[in-house]
Amino acid sequence: GLKDYVILHTTSRKIITLLSMSKITEKLPEQEFARVHRSFIVSLHH
Protein backbone atom coordinates (compact mmCIF):
# COMPACT_ATOMS: atom_id res chain seq x y z
CA GLY A 1 0.00 0.00 0.00
CA LEU A 2 1.19 3.50 -0.90
CA LYS A 3 -1.25 6.23 0.17
CA ASP A 4 -4.13 6.05 -2.35
CA TYR A 5 -2.44 3.40 -4.50
CA VAL A 6 -1.48 -0.24 -4.19
CA ILE A 7 1.42 -1.99 -5.90
CA LEU A 8 0.78 -5.59 -6.89
CA HIS A 9 4.07 -7.50 -6.91
CA THR A 10 3.72 -10.59 -9.10
CA THR A 11 6.19 -13.20 -10.27
CA SER A 12 6.76 -11.27 -13.50
CA ARG A 13 5.96 -7.56 -12.93
CA LYS A 14 4.73 -4.77 -10.70
CA ILE A 15 1.30 -3.23 -11.27
CA ILE A 16 0.36 0.13 -9.75
CA THR A 17 -3.34 0.89 -9.45
CA LEU A 18 -5.55 3.42 -7.68
CA LEU A 19 -7.17 1.30 -4.99
CA SER A 20 -7.36 1.09 -1.21
CA MET A 21 -5.90 -1.78 0.81
CA SER A 22 -9.30 -2.51 2.36
CA LYS A 23 -10.98 -2.70 -1.05
CA ILE A 24 -8.50 -5.14 -2.54
CA THR A 25 -8.59 -7.24 0.65
CA GLU A 26 -12.30 -7.82 0.03
CA LYS A 27 -11.50 -9.41 -3.37
CA LEU A 28 -8.82 -11.81 -2.12
CA PRO A 29 -9.56 -15.29 -0.71
CA GLU A 30 -8.71 -15.14 3.01
CA GLN A 31 -7.38 -18.69 2.99
CA GLU A 32 -4.66 -17.65 0.54
CA PHE A 33 -3.82 -14.05 1.51
CA ALA A 34 -3.26 -12.29 4.82
CA ARG A 35 -2.82 -8.66 5.74
CA VAL A 36 0.25 -8.57 7.97
CA HIS A 37 0.86 -4.83 8.14
CA ARG A 38 -0.99 -1.60 7.49
CA SER A 39 0.88 -1.44 4.17
CA PHE A 40 1.30 -5.11 3.20
CA ILE A 41 -0.82 -8.10 2.19
CA VAL A 42 1.08 -11.33 1.53
CA SER A 43 0.35 -14.51 -0.38
CA LEU A 44 0.55 -17.29 2.19
CA HIS A 45 1.66 -19.72 -0.53
CA HIS A 46 4.71 -17.62 -1.44
All heavy atoms as atom14 arrays in JSON, in Angstrom:
{
  "sequence": "GLKDYVILHTTSRKIITLLSMSKITEKLPEQEFARVHRSFIVSLHH",
  "atom14_mask": [
    [1, 1, 1, 1, 0, 0, 0, 0, 0, 0, 0, 0, 0, 0],
    [1, 1, 1, 1, 1, 1, 1, 1, 0, 0, 0, 0, 0, 0],
    [1, 1, 1, 1, 1, 1, 1, 1, 1, 0, 0, 0, 0, 0],
    [1, 1, 1, 1, 1, 1, 1, 1, 0, 0, 0, 0, 0, 0],
    [1, 1, 1, 1, 1, 1, 1, 1, 1, 1, 1, 1, 0, 0],
    [1, 1, 1, 1, 1, 1, 1, 0, 0, 0, 0, 0, 0, 0],
    [1, 1, 1, 1, 1, 1, 1, 1, 0, 0, 0, 0, 0, 0],
    [1, 1, 1, 1, 1, 1, 1, 1, 0, 0, 0, 0, 0, 0],
    [1, 1, 1, 1, 1, 1, 1, 1, 1, 1, 0, 0, 0, 0],
    [1, 1, 1, 1, 1, 1, 1, 0, 0, 0, 0, 0, 0, 0],
    [1, 1, 1, 1, 1, 1, 1, 0, 0, 0, 0, 0, 0, 0],
    [1, 1, 1, 1, 1, 1, 0, 0, 0, 0, 0, 0, 0, 0],
    [1, 1, 1, 1, 1, 1, 1, 1, 1, 1, 1, 0, 0, 0],
    [1, 1, 1, 1, 1, 1, 1, 1, 1, 0, 0, 0, 0, 0],
    [1, 1, 1, 1, 1, 1, 1, 1, 0, 0, 0, 0, 0, 0],
    [1, 1, 1, 1, 1, 1, 1, 1, 0, 0, 0, 0, 0, 0],
    [1, 1, 1, 1, 1, 1, 1, 0, 0, 0, 0, 0, 0, 0],
    [1, 1, 1, 1, 1, 1, 1, 1, 0, 0, 0, 0, 0, 0],
    [1, 1, 1, 1, 1, 1, 1, 1, 0, 0, 0, 0, 0, 0],
    [1, 1, 1, 1, 1, 1, 0, 0, 0, 0, 0, 0, 0, 0],
    [1, 1, 1, 1, 1, 1, 1, 1, 0, 0, 0, 0, 0, 0],
    [1, 1, 1, 1, 1, 1, 0, 0, 0, 0, 0, 0, 0, 0],
    [1, 1, 1, 1, 1, 1, 1, 1, 1, 0, 0, 0, 0, 0],
    [1, 1, 1, 1, 1, 1, 1, 1, 0, 0, 0, 0, 0, 0],
    [1, 1, 1, 1, 1, 1, 1, 0, 0, 0, 0, 0, 0, 0],
    [1, 1, 1, 1, 1, 1, 1, 1, 1, 0, 0, 0, 0, 0],
    [1, 1, 1, 1, 1, 1, 1, 1, 1, 0, 0, 0, 0, 0],
    [1, 1, 1, 1, 1, 1, 1, 1, 0, 0, 0, 0, 0, 0],
    [1, 1, 1, 1, 1, 1, 1, 0, 0, 0, 0, 0, 0, 0],
    [1, 1, 1, 1, 1, 1, 1, 1, 1, 0, 0, 0, 0, 0],
    [1, 1, 1, 1, 1, 1, 1, 1, 1, 0, 0, 0, 0, 0],
    [1, 1, 1, 1, 1, 1, 1, 1, 1, 0, 0, 0, 0, 0],
    [1, 1, 1, 1, 1, 1, 1, 1, 1, 1, 1, 0, 0, 0],
    [1, 1, 1, 1, 1, 0, 0, 0, 0, 0, 0, 0, 0, 0],
    [1, 1, 1, 1, 1, 1, 1, 1, 1, 1, 1, 0, 0, 0],
    [1, 1, 1, 1, 1, 1, 1, 0, 0, 0, 0, 0, 0, 0],
    [1, 1, 1, 1, 1, 1, 1, 1, 1, 1, 0, 0, 0, 0],
    [1, 1, 1, 1, 1, 1, 1, 1, 1, 1, 1, 0, 0, 0],
    [1, 1, 1, 1, 1, 1, 0, 0, 0, 0, 0, 0, 0, 0],
    [1, 1, 1, 1, 1, 1, 1, 1, 1, 1, 1, 0, 0, 0],
    [1, 1, 1, 1, 1, 1, 1, 1, 0, 0, 0, 0, 0, 0],
    [1, 1, 1, 1, 1, 1, 1, 0, 0, 0, 0, 0, 0, 0],
    [1, 1, 1, 1, 1, 1, 0, 0, 0, 0, 0, 0, 0, 0],
    [1, 1, 1, 1, 1, 1, 1, 1, 0, 0, 0, 0, 0, 0],
    [1, 1, 1, 1, 1, 1, 1, 1, 1, 1, 0, 0, 0, 0],
    [1, 1, 1, 1, 1, 1, 1, 1, 1, 1, 0, 0, 0, 0]
  ],
  "atom14_positions": [
    [[0.82, -1.2, 0.0], [0.0, 0.0, 0.0], [0.86, 1.25, 0.0], [1.87, 1.32, 0.69], [0.0, 0.0, 0.0], [0.0, 0.0, 0.0], [0.0, 0.0, 0.0], [0.0, 0.0, 0.0], [0.0, 0.0, 0.0], [0.0, 0.0, 0.0], [0.0, 0.0, 0.0], [0.0, 0.0, 0.0], [0.0, 0.0, 0.0], [0.0, 0.0, 0.0]],
    [[0.45, 2.24, -0.8], [1.19, 3.5, -0.9], [0.18, 4.63, -1.03], [-0.25, 4.97, -2.12], [2.12, 3.47, -2.11], [3.07, 4.64, -2.29], [4.06, 4.72, -1.15], [3.82, 4.52, -3.62], [0.0, 0.0, 0.0], [0.0, 0.0, 0.0], [0.0, 0.0, 0.0], [0.0, 0.0, 0.0], [0.0, 0.0, 0.0], [0.0, 0.0, 0.0]],
    [[-0.24, 5.18, 0.12], [-1.25, 6.23, 0.17], [-2.52, 5.76, -0.55], [-3.15, 4.82, -0.11], [-0.7, 7.54, -0.4], [0.38, 8.16, 0.47], [0.76, 9.54, -0.03], [1.79, 10.17, 0.9], [2.21, 11.51, 0.45], [0.0, 0.0, 0.0], [0.0, 0.0, 0.0], [0.0, 0.0, 0.0], [0.0, 0.0, 0.0], [0.0, 0.0, 0.0]],
    [[-2.88, 6.4, -1.66], [-4.13, 6.05, -2.35], [-3.94, 4.96, -3.4], [-4.88, 4.63, -4.12], [-4.72, 7.29, -3.04], [-5.1, 8.36, -2.04], [-5.51, 8.0, -0.93], [-4.97, 9.55, -2.37], [0.0, 0.0, 0.0], [0.0, 0.0, 0.0], [0.0, 0.0, 0.0], [0.0, 0.0, 0.0], [0.0, 0.0, 0.0], [0.0, 0.0, 0.0]],
    [[-2.74, 4.4, -3.49], [-2.44, 3.4, -4.5], [-2.05, 2.08, -3.84], [-1.71, 2.03, -2.65], [-1.29, 3.84, -5.4], [-1.5, 5.16, -6.07], [-1.14, 6.35, -5.44], [-2.07, 5.23, -7.33], [-1.34, 7.58, -6.05], [-2.27, 6.45, -7.95], [-1.9, 7.62, -7.3], [-2.1, 8.83, -7.91], [0.0, 0.0, 0.0], [0.0, 0.0, 0.0]],
    [[-2.1, 1.01, -4.62], [-1.48, -0.24, -4.19], [-0.57, -0.71, -5.32], [-0.83, -0.46, -6.5], [-2.52, -1.33, -3.85], [-3.35, -0.92, -2.64], [-3.39, -1.68, -5.02], [0.0, 0.0, 0.0], [0.0, 0.0, 0.0], [0.0, 0.0, 0.0], [0.0, 0.0, 0.0], [0.0, 0.0, 0.0], [0.0, 0.0, 0.0], [0.0, 0.0, 0.0]],
    [[0.5, -1.39, -4.94], [1.42, -1.99, -5.9], [1.29, -3.5, -5.78], [1.51, -4.06, -4.71], [2.87, -1.56, -5.63], [3.0, -0.05, -5.6], [3.8, -2.16, -6.69], [4.38, 0.44, -5.18], [0.0, 0.0, 0.0], [0.0, 0.0, 0.0], [0.0, 0.0, 0.0], [0.0, 0.0, 0.0], [0.0, 0.0, 0.0], [0.0, 0.0, 0.0]],
    [[0.9, -4.14, -6.87], [0.78, -5.59, -6.89], [2.11, -6.16, -7.4], [2.49, -5.92, -8.55], [-0.36, -6.03, -7.8], [-1.78, -5.92, -7.23], [-2.2, -4.46, -7.07], [-2.79, -6.63, -8.14], [0.0, 0.0, 0.0], [0.0, 0.0, 0.0], [0.0, 0.0, 0.0], [0.0, 0.0, 0.0], [0.0, 0.0, 0.0], [0.0, 0.0, 0.0]],
    [[2.8, -6.87, -6.54], [4.07, -7.5, -6.91], [3.76, -8.94, -7.33], [3.31, -9.76, -6.52], [5.03, -7.51, -5.73], [5.44, -6.15, -5.26], [6.67, -5.59, -5.56], [4.77, -5.22, -4.52], [6.75, -4.38, -5.0], [5.62, -4.13, -4.36], [0.0, 0.0, 0.0], [0.0, 0.0, 0.0], [0.0, 0.0, 0.0], [0.0, 0.0, 0.0]],
    [[3.97, -9.24, -8.6], [3.72, -10.59, -9.1], [5.04, -11.25, -9.46], [6.11, -10.65, -9.33], [2.8, -10.57, -10.34], [3.54, -10.14, -11.49], [1.6, -9.63, -10.12], [0.0, 0.0, 0.0], [0.0, 0.0, 0.0], [0.0, 0.0, 0.0], [0.0, 0.0, 0.0], [0.0, 0.0, 0.0], [0.0, 0.0, 0.0], [0.0, 0.0, 0.0]],
    [[4.97, -12.47, -9.91], [6.19, -13.2, -10.27], [6.89, -12.61, -11.48], [8.06, -12.87, -11.71], [5.85, -14.67, -10.55], [4.81, -14.73, -11.54], [5.39, -15.38, -9.28], [0.0, 0.0, 0.0], [0.0, 0.0, 0.0], [0.0, 0.0, 0.0], [0.0, 0.0, 0.0], [0.0, 0.0, 0.0], [0.0, 0.0, 0.0], [0.0, 0.0, 0.0]],
    [[6.16, -11.78, -12.25], [6.76, -11.27, -13.5], [6.8, -9.75, -13.61], [7.51, -9.22, -14.44], [5.99, -11.83, -14.7], [4.62, -11.43, -14.64], [0.0, 0.0, 0.0], [0.0, 0.0, 0.0], [0.0, 0.0, 0.0], [0.0, 0.0, 0.0], [0.0, 0.0, 0.0], [0.0, 0.0, 0.0], [0.0, 0.0, 0.0], [0.0, 0.0, 0.0]],
    [[6.03, -9.01, -12.76], [5.96, -7.56, -12.93], [5.36, -6.9, -11.7], [4.86, -7.58, -10.79], [5.11, -7.21, -14.15], [3.69, -7.76, -14.08], [2.87, -7.42, -15.29], [1.6, -8.13, -15.29], [0.6, -7.88, -16.12], [0.74, -6.93, -17.03], [-0.53, -8.55, -16.06], [0.0, 0.0, 0.0], [0.0, 0.0, 0.0], [0.0, 0.0, 0.0]],
    [[5.42, -5.57, -11.71], [4.73, -4.77, -10.7], [3.61, -4.0, -11.38], [3.79, -3.46, -12.47], [5.69, -3.77, -10.04], [6.82, -4.4, -9.25], [7.71, -3.31, -8.66], [8.89, -3.91, -7.92], [9.77, -2.85, -7.36], [0.0, 0.0, 0.0], [0.0, 0.0, 0.0], [0.0, 0.0, 0.0], [0.0, 0.0, 0.0], [0.0, 0.0, 0.0]],
    [[2.45, -3.94, -10.73], [1.3, -3.23, -11.27], [0.85, -2.2, -10.24], [0.57, -2.55, -9.09], [0.14, -4.19, -11.58], [0.59, -5.25, -12.6], [-1.07, -3.42, -12.09], [-0.41, -6.37, -12.78], [0.0, 0.0, 0.0], [0.0, 0.0, 0.0], [0.0, 0.0, 0.0], [0.0, 0.0, 0.0], [0.0, 0.0, 0.0], [0.0, 0.0, 0.0]],
    [[0.8, -0.93, -10.64], [0.36, 0.13, -9.75], [-1.06, 0.53, -10.14], [-1.33, 0.82, -11.31], [1.29, 1.35, -9.85], [2.73, 0.96, -9.5], [0.83, 2.47, -8.91], [3.75, 2.07, -9.7], [0.0, 0.0, 0.0], [0.0, 0.0, 0.0], [0.0, 0.0, 0.0], [0.0, 0.0, 0.0], [0.0, 0.0, 0.0], [0.0, 0.0, 0.0]],
    [[-1.95, 0.55, -9.16], [-3.34, 0.89, -9.45], [-3.92, 1.74, -8.32], [-3.49, 1.63, -7.17], [-4.19, -0.39, -9.64], [-5.53, -0.03, -10.01], [-4.23, -1.22, -8.38], [0.0, 0.0, 0.0], [0.0, 0.0, 0.0], [0.0, 0.0, 0.0], [0.0, 0.0, 0.0], [0.0, 0.0, 0.0], [0.0, 0.0, 0.0], [0.0, 0.0, 0.0]],
    [[-4.87, 2.57, -8.66], [-5.55, 3.42, -7.68], [-6.6, 2.58, -6.97], [-7.66, 2.29, -7.52], [-6.19, 4.62, -8.37], [-6.93, 5.61, -7.46], [-5.94, 6.3, -6.54], [-7.67, 6.65, -8.29], [0.0, 0.0, 0.0], [0.0, 0.0, 0.0], [0.0, 0.0, 0.0], [0.0, 0.0, 0.0], [0.0, 0.0, 0.0], [0.0, 0.0, 0.0]],
    [[-6.29, 2.2, -5.72], [-7.17, 1.3, -4.99], [-6.75, 1.32, -3.53], [-5.58, 1.53, -3.21], [-7.03, -0.13, -5.55], [-8.15, -1.12, -5.31], [-9.45, -0.64, -5.95], [-7.77, -2.48, -5.88], [0.0, 0.0, 0.0], [0.0, 0.0, 0.0], [0.0, 0.0, 0.0], [0.0, 0.0, 0.0], [0.0, 0.0, 0.0], [0.0, 0.0, 0.0]],
    [[-7.69, 1.12, -2.63], [-7.36, 1.09, -1.21], [-7.02, -0.34, -0.79], [-7.44, -1.32, -1.42], [-8.53, 1.59, -0.37], [-9.62, 0.7, -0.45], [0.0, 0.0, 0.0], [0.0, 0.0, 0.0], [0.0, 0.0, 0.0], [0.0, 0.0, 0.0], [0.0, 0.0, 0.0], [0.0, 0.0, 0.0], [0.0, 0.0, 0.0], [0.0, 0.0, 0.0]],
    [[-6.25, -0.46, 0.29], [-5.9, -1.78, 0.81], [-7.15, -2.54, 1.25], [-7.28, -3.74, 1.04], [-4.92, -1.63, 1.97], [-3.54, -1.16, 1.57], [-2.6, -2.42, 0.69], [-2.03, -3.41, 2.06], [0.0, 0.0, 0.0], [0.0, 0.0, 0.0], [0.0, 0.0, 0.0], [0.0, 0.0, 0.0], [0.0, 0.0, 0.0], [0.0, 0.0, 0.0]],
    [[-8.08, -1.83, 1.88], [-9.3, -2.51, 2.36], [-10.13, -3.04, 1.19], [-10.72, -4.12, 1.28], [-10.13, -1.56, 3.22], [-10.48, -0.4, 2.49], [0.0, 0.0, 0.0], [0.0, 0.0, 0.0], [0.0, 0.0, 0.0], [0.0, 0.0, 0.0], [0.0, 0.0, 0.0], [0.0, 0.0, 0.0], [0.0, 0.0, 0.0], [0.0, 0.0, 0.0]],
    [[-10.18, -2.27, 0.1], [-10.98, -2.7, -1.05], [-10.4, -3.94, -1.71], [-11.14, -4.87, -2.06], [-11.06, -1.55, -2.07], [-12.03, -1.82, -3.2], [-13.47, -1.85, -2.71], [-14.46, -2.01, -3.85], [-15.84, -2.11, -3.37], [0.0, 0.0, 0.0], [0.0, 0.0, 0.0], [0.0, 0.0, 0.0], [0.0, 0.0, 0.0], [0.0, 0.0, 0.0]],
    [[-9.09, -3.98, -1.87], [-8.5, -5.14, -2.54], [-8.53, -6.35, -1.61], [-8.63, -7.49, -2.07], [-7.08, -4.85, -3.05], [-6.69, -5.9, -4.1], [-6.06, -4.8, -1.92], [-5.49, -5.54, -4.92], [0.0, 0.0, 0.0], [0.0, 0.0, 0.0], [0.0, 0.0, 0.0], [0.0, 0.0, 0.0], [0.0, 0.0, 0.0], [0.0, 0.0, 0.0]],
    [[-8.48, -6.13, -0.3], [-8.59, -7.24, 0.65], [-9.9, -7.97, 0.48], [-9.97, -9.21, 0.58], [-8.45, -6.72, 2.09], [-7.16, -6.12, 2.25], [-8.58, -7.87, 3.1], [0.0, 0.0, 0.0], [0.0, 0.0, 0.0], [0.0, 0.0, 0.0], [0.0, 0.0, 0.0], [0.0, 0.0, 0.0], [0.0, 0.0, 0.0], [0.0, 0.0, 0.0]],
    [[-10.98, -7.22, 0.2], [-12.3, -7.82, 0.03], [-12.34, -8.8, -1.14], [-13.15, -9.72, -1.16], [-13.34, -6.72, -0.21], [-13.56, -5.8, 0.98], [-14.48, -4.64, 0.62], [-14.97, -4.61, -0.54], [-14.71, -3.78, 1.47], [0.0, 0.0, 0.0], [0.0, 0.0, 0.0], [0.0, 0.0, 0.0], [0.0, 0.0, 0.0], [0.0, 0.0, 0.0]],
    [[-11.47, -8.59, -2.15], [-11.5, -9.41, -3.37], [-10.57, -10.61, -3.29], [-10.56, -11.44, -4.21], [-11.11, -8.54, -4.57], [-12.07, -7.39, -4.83], [-13.46, -7.87, -5.15], [-14.41, -6.74, -5.45], [-15.78, -7.22, -5.7], [0.0, 0.0, 0.0], [0.0, 0.0, 0.0], [0.0, 0.0, 0.0], [0.0, 0.0, 0.0], [0.0, 0.0, 0.0]],
    [[-9.79, -10.73, -2.22], [-8.82, -11.81, -2.12], [-9.33, -12.92, -1.2], [-9.91, -12.64, -0.15], [-7.49, -11.27, -1.56], [-6.79, -10.21, -2.41], [-5.6, -9.64, -1.66], [-6.37, -10.77, -3.76], [0.0, 0.0, 0.0], [0.0, 0.0, 0.0], [0.0, 0.0, 0.0], [0.0, 0.0, 0.0], [0.0, 0.0, 0.0], [0.0, 0.0, 0.0]],
    [[-9.14, -14.18, -1.57], [-9.56, -15.29, -0.71], [-8.74, -15.31, 0.58], [-7.51, -15.35, 0.54], [-9.31, -16.53, -1.56], [-8.33, -16.1, -2.61], [-8.56, -14.64, -2.84], [0.0, 0.0, 0.0], [0.0, 0.0, 0.0], [0.0, 0.0, 0.0], [0.0, 0.0, 0.0], [0.0, 0.0, 0.0], [0.0, 0.0, 0.0], [0.0, 0.0, 0.0]],
    [[-9.41, -15.27, 1.74], [-8.71, -15.14, 3.01], [-7.88, -16.36, 3.35], [-6.95, -16.29, 4.16], [-9.7, -14.84, 4.13], [-10.74, -15.91, 4.34], [-11.72, -15.53, 5.44], [-11.79, -14.35, 5.81], [-12.42, -16.44, 5.92], [0.0, 0.0, 0.0], [0.0, 0.0, 0.0], [0.0, 0.0, 0.0], [0.0, 0.0, 0.0], [0.0, 0.0, 0.0]],
    [[-8.18, -17.5, 2.73], [-7.38, -18.69, 2.99], [-6.05, -18.68, 2.24], [-5.19, -19.51, 2.48], [-8.17, -19.97, 2.65], [-8.42, -20.19, 1.16], [-9.7, -19.5, 0.69], [-10.2, -18.58, 1.34], [-10.23, -19.95, -0.44], [0.0, 0.0, 0.0], [0.0, 0.0, 0.0], [0.0, 0.0, 0.0], [0.0, 0.0, 0.0], [0.0, 0.0, 0.0]],
    [[-5.9, -17.72, 1.33], [-4.66, -17.65, 0.54], [-3.85, -16.37, 0.78], [-2.65, -16.34, 0.49], [-5.0, -17.73, -0.96], [-5.66, -19.05, -1.36], [-6.03, -19.06, -2.84], [-5.34, -18.38, -3.62], [-7.01, -19.73, -3.2], [0.0, 0.0, 0.0], [0.0, 0.0, 0.0], [0.0, 0.0, 0.0], [0.0, 0.0, 0.0], [0.0, 0.0, 0.0]],
    [[-4.5, -15.32, 1.31], [-3.82, -14.05, 1.51], [-4.09, -13.53, 2.91], [-5.17, -13.74, 3.47], [-4.28, -13.02, 0.47], [-3.84, -13.33, -0.93], [-4.61, -14.17, -1.73], [-2.67, -12.81, -1.45], [-4.21, -14.47, -3.02], [-2.27, -13.1, -2.73], [-3.03, -13.95, -3.53], [0.0, 0.0, 0.0], [0.0, 0.0, 0.0], [0.0, 0.0, 0.0]],
    [[-3.1, -12.85, 3.48], [-3.26, -12.29, 4.82], [-2.65, -10.9, 4.86], [-1.56, -10.66, 4.32], [-2.58, -13.18, 5.86], [0.0, 0.0, 0.0], [0.0, 0.0, 0.0], [0.0, 0.0, 0.0], [0.0, 0.0, 0.0], [0.0, 0.0, 0.0], [0.0, 0.0, 0.0], [0.0, 0.0, 0.0], [0.0, 0.0, 0.0], [0.0, 0.0, 0.0]],
    [[-3.37, -9.98, 5.51], [-2.82, -8.66, 5.74], [-1.96, -8.74, 6.99], [-2.45, -9.09, 8.07], [-3.93, -7.63, 5.91], [-3.41, -6.2, 5.92], [-4.53, -5.21, 5.74], [-4.03, -3.85, 5.69], [-4.79, -2.78, 5.51], [-6.11, -2.92, 5.37], [-4.27, -1.58, 5.47], [0.0, 0.0, 0.0], [0.0, 0.0, 0.0], [0.0, 0.0, 0.0]],
    [[-0.68, -8.41, 6.86], [0.25, -8.57, 7.97], [0.79, -7.23, 8.46], [1.59, -7.19, 9.4], [1.43, -9.49, 7.56], [0.93, -10.89, 7.23], [2.2, -8.9, 6.38], [0.0, 0.0, 0.0], [0.0, 0.0, 0.0], [0.0, 0.0, 0.0], [0.0, 0.0, 0.0], [0.0, 0.0, 0.0], [0.0, 0.0, 0.0], [0.0, 0.0, 0.0]],
    [[0.37, -6.17, 7.79], [0.86, -4.83, 8.14], [-0.11, -3.84, 7.53], [-0.85, -4.17, 6.6], [2.27, -4.64, 7.57], [2.97, -3.39, 7.99], [2.78, -2.18, 7.35], [3.86, -3.15, 8.99], [3.53, -1.26, 7.93], [4.19, -1.81, 8.93], [0.0, 0.0, 0.0], [0.0, 0.0, 0.0], [0.0, 0.0, 0.0], [0.0, 0.0, 0.0]],
    [[-0.12, -2.64, 8.06], [-0.99, -1.6, 7.49], [-0.73, -1.43, 6.0], [-1.63, -1.1, 5.23], [-0.73, -0.28, 8.22], [-1.6, 0.88, 7.75], [-1.28, 2.13, 8.53], [0.1, 2.54, 8.3], [0.68, 3.58, 8.89], [0.02, 4.29, 9.77], [1.93, 3.89, 8.62], [0.0, 0.0, 0.0], [0.0, 0.0, 0.0], [0.0, 0.0, 0.0]],
    [[0.5, -1.69, 5.56], [0.88, -1.44, 4.17], [1.2, -2.71, 3.38], [1.68, -2.6, 2.24], [2.11, -0.52, 4.13], [1.84, 0.7, 4.77], [0.0, 0.0, 0.0], [0.0, 0.0, 0.0], [0.0, 0.0, 0.0], [0.0, 0.0, 0.0], [0.0, 0.0, 0.0], [0.0, 0.0, 0.0], [0.0, 0.0, 0.0], [0.0, 0.0, 0.0]],
    [[0.93, -3.9, 3.93], [1.3, -5.11, 3.2], [0.25, -6.22, 3.36], [-0.25, -6.47, 4.46], [2.65, -5.65, 3.68], [3.83, -4.84, 3.25], [4.38, -3.9, 4.11], [4.38, -4.99, 1.98], [5.46, -3.14, 3.73], [5.47, -4.23, 1.58], [6.01, -3.3, 2.45], [0.0, 0.0, 0.0], [0.0, 0.0, 0.0], [0.0, 0.0, 0.0]],
    [[-0.05, -6.86, 2.23], [-0.82, -8.1, 2.19], [0.09, -9.13, 1.52], [0.72, -8.84, 0.49], [-2.1, -7.94, 1.35], [-3.03, -6.88, 1.97], [-2.84, -9.26, 1.23], [-4.19, -6.48, 1.06], [0.0, 0.0, 0.0], [0.0, 0.0, 0.0], [0.0, 0.0, 0.0], [0.0, 0.0, 0.0], [0.0, 0.0, 0.0], [0.0, 0.0, 0.0]],
    [[0.17, -10.32, 2.09], [1.08, -11.33, 1.53], [0.3, -12.55, 1.05], [-0.78, -12.87, 1.57], [2.15, -11.77, 2.55], [2.99, -10.59, 3.0], [1.51, -12.47, 3.74], [0.0, 0.0, 0.0], [0.0, 0.0, 0.0], [0.0, 0.0, 0.0], [0.0, 0.0, 0.0], [0.0, 0.0, 0.0], [0.0, 0.0, 0.0], [0.0, 0.0, 0.0]],
    [[0.87, -13.21, 0.05], [0.35, -14.51, -0.38], [0.93, -15.56, 0.56], [2.15, -15.7, 0.67], [0.77, -14.8, -1.82], [0.55, -16.16, -2.12], [0.0, 0.0, 0.0], [0.0, 0.0, 0.0], [0.0, 0.0, 0.0], [0.0, 0.0, 0.0], [0.0, 0.0, 0.0], [0.0, 0.0, 0.0], [0.0, 0.0, 0.0], [0.0, 0.0, 0.0]],
    [[0.07, -16.29, 1.24], [0.55, -17.29, 2.19], [1.31, -18.42, 1.48], [2.19, -19.04, 2.06], [-0.65, -17.86, 2.96], [-1.44, -16.82, 3.78], [-2.69, -17.46, 4.37], [-0.57, -16.19, 4.85], [0.0, 0.0, 0.0], [0.0, 0.0, 0.0], [0.0, 0.0, 0.0], [0.0, 0.0, 0.0], [0.0, 0.0, 0.0], [0.0, 0.0, 0.0]],
    [[1.0, -18.65, 0.22], [1.66, -19.72, -0.53], [3.09, -19.35, -0.93], [3.89, -20.23, -1.23], [0.86, -20.06, -1.79], [-0.5, -20.62, -1.52], [-0.71, -21.75, -0.78], [-1.73, -20.18, -1.88], [-2.01, -22.0, -0.7], [-2.65, -21.05, -1.35], [0.0, 0.0, 0.0], [0.0, 0.0, 0.0], [0.0, 0.0, 0.0], [0.0, 0.0, 0.0]],
    [[3.39, -18.05, -0.95], [4.71, -17.62, -1.44], [5.66, -17.23, -0.32], [6.76, -16.74, -0.6], [4.53, -16.44, -2.4], [4.02, -16.83, -3.75], [4.79, -17.49, -4.68], [2.8, -16.67, -4.32], [4.08, -17.7, -5.77], [2.87, -17.22, -5.59], [0.0, 0.0, 0.0], [0.0, 0.0, 0.0], [0.0, 0.0, 0.0], [0.0, 0.0, 0.0]]
  ]
}
